[in-house]
Amino acid sequence: MNTLSHIAINADDIPASRAFYRAAFGWQFSAWGPPGFYRVEAEDPHGPGVTAALQQRRQLLADQPTTGFECTVAVDDVRHVEQAALAAGGRLLMQTTTIAGVGHLIWLADPSGNVVGAMQYDTKAQ
């Protein structure tokens, strides 16, 4: 595990961003999950690739809109990762959140303030 598993693109104008990525890269989108959240449908001829989403912009850091691609790492034990990250000088930005049918997610900031998610995938999560 501990592989890059998911990226999300935070956008203020979802329709405009969908049109941009469709025109630039040929990506298609399907609505999934909460309002303003779309799964990116981009085929990778070399394998399964990374799951990607286009979503309404959010703020994981106070007073700082999330920009760029937001990355999530697949982990075996989200609680272990949280403890290790905090001991190594990181900060917890979001307590463990369970996404039904997907798994358990936390958001961390590294000592330089870079944001990273850690997801313990569990299809039986409620």
C-alpha atoms as a PDB file:
ATOM      1  CA  MET A   1       0.000   0.000   0.000  1.00  0.00           C
ATOM      2  CA  ASN A   2       1.030   3.619   0.612  1.00  0.00           C
ATOM      3  CA  THR A   3       0.587   4.339  -3.094  1.00  0.00           C
ATOM      4  CA  LEU A   4      -0.945   7.449  -4.611  1.00  0.00           C
ATOM      5  CA  SER A   5      -4.564   6.426  -5.052  1.00  0.00           C
ATOM      6  CA  HIS A   6      -6.645   9.536  -5.659  1.00  0.00           C
ATOM      7  CA  ILE A   7      -6.336  13.132  -6.818  1.00  0.00           C
ATOM      8  CA  ALA A   8      -8.973  15.826  -6.741  1.00  0.00           C
ATOM      9  CA  ILE A   9      -9.076  19.094  -8.616  1.00  0.00           C
ATOM     10  CA  ASN A  10     -10.736  21.850  -6.575  1.00  0.00           C
ATOM     11  CA  ALA A  11     -12.679  24.321  -8.706  1.00  0.00           C
ATOM     12  CA  ASP A  12     -14.809  27.406  -8.143  1.00  0.00           C
ATOM     13  CA  ASP A  13     -16.760  26.997 -11.409  1.00  0.00           C
ATOM     14  CA  ILE A  14     -17.409  23.283 -11.959  1.00  0.00           C
ATOM     15  CA  PRO A  15     -19.031  23.598 -15.431  1.00  0.00           C
ATOM     16  CA  ALA A  16     -16.169  25.766 -16.737  1.00  0.00           C
ATOM     17  CA  SER A  17     -13.571  23.405 -15.276  1.00  0.00           C
ATOM     18  CA  ARG A  18     -15.309  20.369 -16.763  1.00  0.00           C
ATOM     19  CA  ALA A  19     -15.295  22.079 -20.175  1.00  0.00           C
ATOM     20  CA  PHE A  20     -11.592  22.953 -19.794  1.00  0.00           C
ATOM     21  CA  TYR A  21     -10.444  19.415 -18.904  1.00  0.00           C
ATOM     22  CA  ARG A  22     -12.716  17.891 -21.555  1.00  0.00           C
ATOM     23  CA  ALA A  23     -11.230  20.177 -24.240  1.00  0.00           C
ATOM     24  CA  ALA A  24      -7.623  19.962 -23.060  1.00  0.00           C
ATOM     25  CA  PHE A  25      -7.368  16.251 -22.226  1.00  0.00           C
ATOM     26  CA  GLY A  26     -10.513  14.572 -23.549  1.00  0.00           C
ATOM     27  CA  TRP A  27     -11.688  13.697 -20.039  1.00  0.00           C
ATOM     28  CA  GLN A  28     -15.323  12.781 -19.418  1.00  0.00           C
ATOM     29  CA  PHE A  29     -17.086  13.205 -16.073  1.00  0.00           C
ATOM     30  CA  SER A  30     -19.809  11.369 -14.164  1.00  0.00           C
ATOM     31  CA  ALA A  31     -21.649  12.727 -11.128  1.00  0.00           C
ATOM     32  CA  TRP A  32     -20.731  10.786  -7.996  1.00  0.00           C
ATOM     33  CA  GLY A  33     -21.206  11.386  -4.283  1.00  0.00           C
ATOM     34  CA  PRO A  34     -22.053  14.826  -2.913  1.00  0.00           C
ATOM     35  CA  PRO A  35     -23.332  17.698  -5.082  1.00  0.00           C
ATOM     36  CA  GLY A  36     -20.576  19.350  -7.101  1.00  0.00           C
ATOM     37  CA  PHE A  37     -18.453  16.186  -7.171  1.00  0.00           C
ATOM     38  CA  TYR A  38     -17.590  14.436 -10.436  1.00  0.00           C
ATOM     39  CA  ARG A  39     -15.512  11.358 -11.087  1.00  0.00           C
ATOM     40  CA  VAL A  40     -12.990  11.873 -13.903  1.00  0.00           C
ATOM     41  CA  GLU A  41     -13.367   9.227 -16.607  1.00  0.00           C
ATOM     42  CA  ALA A  42      -9.921   9.082 -18.226  1.00  0.00           C
ATOM     43  CA  GLU A  43      -8.717   5.753 -19.569  1.00  0.00           C
ATOM     44  CA  ASP A  44      -5.111   4.722 -18.965  1.00  0.00           C
ATOM     45  CA  PRO A  45      -3.845   2.188 -21.550  1.00  0.00           C
ATOM     46  CA  HIS A  46      -1.023   1.198 -19.174  1.00  0.00           C
ATOM     47  CA  GLY A  47      -3.165   0.044 -16.258  1.00  0.00           C
ATOM     48  CA  PRO A  48      -5.802   1.125 -13.765  1.00  0.00           C
ATOM     49  CA  GLY A  49      -4.154   4.484 -13.069  1.00  0.00           C
ATOM     50  CA  VAL A  50      -5.150   6.864 -10.296  1.00  0.00           C
ATOM     51  CA  THR A  51      -8.777   7.672  -9.483  1.00  0.00           C
ATOM     52  CA  ALA A  52      -9.487  11.363 -10.025  1.00  0.00           C
ATOM     53  CA  ALA A  53     -12.281  13.786  -9.203  1.00  0.00           C
ATOM     54  CA  LEU A  54     -13.346  17.321 -10.012  1.00  0.00           C
ATOM     55  CA  GLN A  55     -15.023  18.892  -6.983  1.00  0.00           C
ATOM     56  CA  GLN A  56     -16.289  22.153  -5.570  1.00  0.00           C
ATOM     57  CA  ARG A  57     -13.376  24.016  -3.988  1.00  0.00           C
ATOM     58  CA  ARG A  58     -12.918  23.589  -0.266  1.00  0.00           C
ATOM     59  CA  GLN A  59     -10.587  24.910   2.403  1.00  0.00           C
ATOM     60  CA  LEU A  60      -8.540  22.317   4.270  1.00  0.00           C
ATOM     61  CA  LEU A  61      -6.321  25.052   5.751  1.00  0.00           C
ATOM     62  CA  ALA A  62      -7.942  28.016   7.520  1.00  0.00           C
ATOM     63  CA  ASP A  63      -8.256  31.112   5.305  1.00  0.00           C
ATOM     64  CA  GLN A  64      -6.501  29.386   2.407  1.00  0.00           C
ATOM     65  CA  PRO A  65      -8.494  27.942  -0.501  1.00  0.00           C
ATOM     66  CA  THR A  66      -7.210  24.574  -1.697  1.00  0.00           C
ATOM     67  CA  THR A  67      -5.500  24.986  -5.063  1.00  0.00           C
ATOM     68  CA  GLY A  68      -3.684  22.547  -7.298  1.00  0.00           C
ATOM     69  CA  PHE A  69      -4.269  18.840  -7.297  1.00  0.00           C
ATOM     70  CA  GLU A  70      -5.205  17.401  -3.911  1.00  0.00           C
ATOM     71  CA  CYS A  71      -3.584  13.969  -3.406  1.00  0.00           C
ATOM     72  CA  THR A  72      -4.625  10.997  -1.298  1.00  0.00           C
ATOM     73  CA  VAL A  73      -2.398   8.059  -0.348  1.00  0.00           C
ATOM     74  CA  ALA A  74      -3.843   4.559   0.203  1.00  0.00           C
ATOM     75  CA  VAL A  75      -2.775   3.262   3.631  1.00  0.00           C
ATOM     76  CA  ASP A  76      -3.272   0.080   5.653  1.00  0.00           C
ATOM     77  CA  ASP A  77      -4.078   1.828   8.948  1.00  0.00           C
ATOM     78  CA  VAL A  78      -5.240   5.454   8.994  1.00  0.00           C
ATOM     79  CA  ARG A  79      -4.829   5.761  12.789  1.00  0.00           C
ATOM     80  CA  HIS A  80      -1.216   4.593  12.593  1.00  0.00           C
ATOM     81  CA  VAL A  81      -0.519   7.122   9.822  1.00  0.00           C
ATOM     82  CA  GLU A  82      -2.097   9.905  11.892  1.00  0.00           C
ATOM     83  CA  GLN A  83       0.066   9.106  14.936  1.00  0.00           C
ATOM     84  CA  ALA A  84       3.239   8.792  12.848  1.00  0.00           C
ATOM     85  CA  ALA A  85       2.541  12.036  10.981  1.00  0.00           C
ATOM     86  CA  LEU A  86       1.915  13.992  14.188  1.00  0.00           C
ATOM     87  CA  ALA A  87       5.079  12.571  15.771  1.00  0.00           C
ATOM     88  CA  ALA A  88       7.028  13.675  12.679  1.00  0.00           C
ATOM     89  CA  GLY A  89       5.882  17.303  12.967  1.00  0.00           C
ATOM     90  CA  GLY A  90       2.721  17.163  10.840  1.00  0.00           C
ATOM     91  CA  ARG A  91      -0.704  18.561  11.722  1.00  0.00           C
ATOM     92  CA  LEU A  92      -4.112  16.923  11.587  1.00  0.00           C
ATOM     93  CA  LEU A  93      -6.434  19.055   9.442  1.00  0.00           C
ATOM     94  CA  MET A  94      -9.490  16.799   9.504  1.00  0.00           C
ATOM     95  CA  GLN A  95     -10.415  14.027  11.938  1.00  0.00           C
ATOM     96  CA  THR A  96     -11.145  10.591  10.520  1.00  0.00           C
ATOM     97  CA  THR A  97     -14.183  10.753   8.265  1.00  0.00           C
ATOM     98  CA  THR A  98     -15.878   7.619   6.982  1.00  0.00           C
ATOM     99  CA  ILE A  99     -17.127   7.584   3.410  1.00  0.00           C
ATOM    100  CA  ALA A 100     -19.684   4.786   3.144  1.00  0.00           C
ATOM    101  CA  GLY A 101     -18.562   2.027   0.805  1.00  0.00           C
ATOM    102  CA  VAL A 102     -15.141   3.668   0.308  1.00  0.00           C
ATOM    103  CA  GLY A 103     -13.229   3.865   3.591  1.00  0.00           C
ATOM    104  CA  HIS A 104     -11.781   6.077   6.305  1.00  0.00           C
ATOM    105  CA  LEU A 105     -10.067   9.375   5.419  1.00  0.00           C
ATOM    106  CA  ILE A 106      -7.931  11.921   7.258  1.00  0.00           C
ATOM    107  CA  TRP A 107      -6.283  15.114   6.022  1.00  0.00           C
ATOM    108  CA  LEU A 108      -2.830  16.114   7.205  1.00  0.00           C
ATOM    109  CA  ALA A 109      -0.402  18.974   6.651  1.00  0.00           C
ATOM    110  CA  ASP A 110       3.309  18.233   6.476  1.00  0.00           C
ATOM    111  CA  PRO A 111       5.768  20.463   8.378  1.00  0.00           C
ATOM    112  CA  SER A 112       5.846  22.836   5.366  1.00  0.00           C
ATOM    113  CA  GLY A 113       2.043  23.105   5.235  1.00  0.00           C
ATOM    114  CA  ASN A 114       1.520  20.827   2.213  1.00  0.00           C
ATOM    115  CA  VAL A 115      -1.821  19.019   2.407  1.00  0.00           C
ATOM    116  CA  VAL A 116      -2.105  15.241   1.929  1.00  0.00           C
ATOM    117  CA  GLY A 117      -4.938  12.793   2.513  1.00  0.00           C
ATOM    118  CA  ALA A 118      -4.593   9.269   3.890  1.00  0.00           C
ATOM    119  CA  MET A 119      -7.357   6.776   3.021  1.00  0.00           C
ATOM    120  CA  GLN A 120      -7.814   3.355   4.552  1.00  0.00           C
ATOM    121  CA  TYR A 121      -9.976   1.754   1.870  1.00  0.00           C
ATOM    122  CA  ASP A 122     -12.811  -0.423   3.164  1.00  0.00           C
ATOM    123  CA  THR A 123     -15.748  -1.273   0.906  1.00  0.00           C
ATOM    124  CA  LYS A 124     -17.759  -2.280   4.021  1.00  0.00           C
ATOM    125  CA  ALA A 125     -17.302   1.118   5.696  1.00  0.00           C
ATOM    126  CA  GLN A 126     -20.537   2.677   7.001  1.00  0.00           C
END
